N, C-alpha and C. Protein backbone atom coordinates (compact mmCIF):
# COMPACT_ATOMS: atom_id res chain seq x y z
N UNK A 1 34.97 181.33 0.02
CA UNK A 1 35.63 180.16 0.69
C UNK A 1 36.90 180.34 0.43
N UNK A 2 38.20 179.96 1.36
CA UNK A 2 39.21 179.99 1.13
C UNK A 2 40.24 179.02 0.16
N UNK A 3 41.19 179.67 -0.89
CA UNK A 3 41.52 178.52 -1.65
C UNK A 3 42.70 177.57 -1.03
N UNK A 4 42.88 176.33 -1.19
CA UNK A 4 43.65 175.74 -0.37
C UNK A 4 44.84 175.75 -1.33
N UNK A 5 44.89 176.22 -2.41
CA UNK A 5 46.12 176.02 -3.43
C UNK A 5 46.56 177.20 -3.64
N UNK A 6 48.14 177.15 -3.62
CA UNK A 6 48.72 178.36 -3.87
C UNK A 6 49.63 178.54 -5.19
N UNK A 7 49.62 179.39 -6.14
CA UNK A 7 50.42 179.40 -7.25
C UNK A 7 51.66 180.22 -7.11
N UNK A 8 52.48 179.90 -7.90
CA UNK A 8 53.63 180.52 -7.99
C UNK A 8 54.82 180.10 -7.36
N UNK A 9 56.00 180.75 -6.96
CA UNK A 9 56.82 180.32 -6.09
C UNK A 9 56.83 181.13 -5.11
N UNK A 10 57.17 180.74 -3.99
CA UNK A 10 56.97 181.60 -2.58
C UNK A 10 58.18 182.59 -2.75
N UNK A 11 57.77 183.65 -2.31
CA UNK A 11 58.74 184.76 -2.09
C UNK A 11 59.37 184.93 -0.64
N UNK A 12 60.64 185.05 -0.56
CA UNK A 12 61.26 185.18 1.09
C UNK A 12 61.23 186.76 1.36
N UNK A 13 60.91 186.81 2.28
CA UNK A 13 60.48 188.34 2.99
C UNK A 13 61.42 188.60 3.79
N UNK A 14 61.86 189.92 3.76
CA UNK A 14 62.84 190.13 4.77
C UNK A 14 62.42 189.99 6.50
N UNK A 15 63.08 190.05 6.96
CA UNK A 15 63.10 189.92 8.49
C UNK A 15 62.53 191.39 8.84
N UNK A 16 61.88 191.35 9.95
CA UNK A 16 61.93 192.90 10.54
C UNK A 16 62.95 194.04 10.84
N UNK A 17 63.70 192.74 11.31
CA UNK A 17 65.42 193.77 12.12
C UNK A 17 65.84 194.10 10.14
N UNK A 18 65.96 193.44 9.02
CA UNK A 18 66.17 193.82 7.88
C UNK A 18 65.38 195.13 7.85
N UNK A 19 64.00 195.12 7.82
CA UNK A 19 63.30 195.92 7.27
C UNK A 19 63.57 197.63 8.07
N UNK A 20 63.60 197.42 9.00
CA UNK A 20 64.08 198.45 10.17
C UNK A 20 65.26 199.22 9.94
N UNK A 21 66.39 198.03 9.17
CA UNK A 21 67.67 198.55 9.04
C UNK A 21 67.83 199.33 8.10
N UNK A 22 66.92 199.20 6.87
CA UNK A 22 66.93 199.30 5.37
C UNK A 22 66.11 201.04 5.59
N UNK A 23 65.06 201.15 6.33
CA UNK A 23 64.72 202.05 6.39
C UNK A 23 65.55 203.19 7.28
N UNK A 24 66.20 202.82 8.29
CA UNK A 24 67.33 203.60 8.85
C UNK A 24 68.43 204.47 8.26
N UNK A 25 68.68 203.24 7.18
CA UNK A 25 69.92 203.55 6.31
C UNK A 25 69.36 204.62 5.17
N UNK A 26 67.88 204.89 4.79
CA UNK A 26 67.16 205.66 3.78
C UNK A 26 67.08 206.85 4.66
N UNK A 27 66.82 206.76 5.87
CA UNK A 27 66.66 207.96 6.76
C UNK A 27 68.10 209.04 6.61
N UNK A 28 69.00 207.95 6.99
CA UNK A 28 70.50 208.35 7.59
C UNK A 28 70.88 209.08 5.93
N UNK A 29 70.52 208.62 4.81
CA UNK A 29 70.77 209.25 3.44
C UNK A 29 69.99 210.23 3.06
N UNK A 30 68.78 210.27 3.60
CA UNK A 30 67.83 211.82 3.49
C UNK A 30 68.67 213.15 4.07
N UNK A 31 68.96 212.82 5.29
CA UNK A 31 69.57 213.69 6.66
C UNK A 31 70.83 214.61 5.47
N UNK A 32 71.97 213.30 5.35
CA UNK A 32 73.20 213.62 4.87
C UNK A 32 72.56 214.82 3.77
N UNK A 33 71.81 214.68 3.02
CA UNK A 33 71.44 215.07 1.65
C UNK A 33 70.90 216.48 1.95
N UNK A 34 70.16 216.24 2.84
CA UNK A 34 69.41 217.75 3.40
C UNK A 34 70.91 218.62 4.03
N UNK A 35 71.47 218.06 4.61
CA UNK A 35 72.86 219.10 5.37
C UNK A 35 73.50 219.55 4.38
N UNK A 36 73.82 218.47 3.26
CA UNK A 36 74.69 218.80 2.12
C UNK A 36 73.60 220.16 1.51
N UNK A 37 72.72 220.11 1.38
CA UNK A 37 72.11 221.11 0.70
C UNK A 37 71.92 222.56 1.46
N UNK A 38 71.76 221.94 2.98
CA UNK A 38 71.76 223.17 3.89
C UNK A 38 73.18 224.16 3.72
N UNK A 39 74.37 223.52 3.54
CA UNK A 39 75.78 223.83 3.77
C UNK A 39 76.07 224.31 2.19
N UNK A 40 75.18 224.38 1.30
CA UNK A 40 75.66 224.42 -0.30
C UNK A 40 75.06 225.83 -0.18
N UNK A 41 73.83 225.89 0.68
CA UNK A 41 73.08 227.14 0.54
C UNK A 41 73.49 228.30 1.28
N UNK A 42 74.35 227.62 2.49
CA UNK A 42 74.13 228.82 3.36
C UNK A 42 75.84 229.54 2.75
N UNK A 43 76.90 228.42 2.23
CA UNK A 43 77.90 228.93 1.46
C UNK A 43 77.60 229.80 0.06
N UNK A 44 76.56 229.92 -0.46
CA UNK A 44 76.19 230.52 -1.30
C UNK A 44 75.77 231.79 -0.89
N UNK A 45 74.93 231.89 -0.02
CA UNK A 45 74.36 232.91 1.11
C UNK A 45 75.73 233.90 1.40
N UNK A 46 76.57 233.24 2.03
CA UNK A 46 77.43 233.82 2.37
C UNK A 46 78.41 234.50 1.01
N UNK A 47 78.80 233.52 -0.24
CA UNK A 47 79.36 234.45 -1.03
C UNK A 47 78.87 235.56 -1.30
N UNK A 48 77.51 235.31 -1.35
CA UNK A 48 76.11 236.76 -1.90
C UNK A 48 76.63 238.05 -0.97
N UNK A 49 76.50 237.54 0.38
CA UNK A 49 77.21 238.78 1.43
C UNK A 49 78.77 239.47 1.22
N UNK A 50 79.33 238.47 0.83
CA UNK A 50 80.66 239.21 0.26
C UNK A 50 80.78 239.95 -0.66
N UNK A 51 79.76 239.51 -1.34
CA UNK A 51 79.95 240.40 -2.79
C UNK A 51 79.16 241.70 -2.37
N UNK A 52 78.10 241.65 -1.57
CA UNK A 52 77.72 242.76 -1.39
C UNK A 52 78.35 244.15 -0.55
N UNK A 53 78.93 243.33 0.26
CA UNK A 53 79.80 243.95 1.50
C UNK A 53 80.98 244.82 0.43
N UNK A 54 81.34 243.96 -0.46
CA UNK A 54 82.61 244.86 -1.30
C UNK A 54 82.31 245.79 -2.17
N UNK A 55 81.06 245.43 -2.94
CA UNK A 55 80.39 246.45 -3.69
C UNK A 55 79.85 247.48 -3.13
N UNK A 56 79.42 248.04 -2.04
CA UNK A 56 79.22 249.20 -1.07
C UNK A 56 80.63 250.00 -0.59
N UNK A 57 81.61 249.38 -0.32
CA UNK A 57 82.96 249.97 -0.02
C UNK A 57 83.27 250.56 -1.41
N UNK A 58 83.67 251.92 -0.91
CA UNK A 58 84.45 252.90 -1.99
C UNK A 58 85.82 252.22 -1.96
N UNK A 59 85.98 252.72 -3.56
CA UNK A 59 87.65 252.26 -3.81
C UNK A 59 88.44 252.86 -3.32
């Protein structure tokens, strides 16, 4: 049997548009973080390649 009484305060729920907006913002933040990690990895790899190239050349 369903209860006809509600206890406590009613919570406001966000609209569908607000939920979608928050999800898009989280996805954007995640993609920016991934791009920054990828750029840092490429920069580090480029630095390692330069160091190897300089070490293999005779003085």
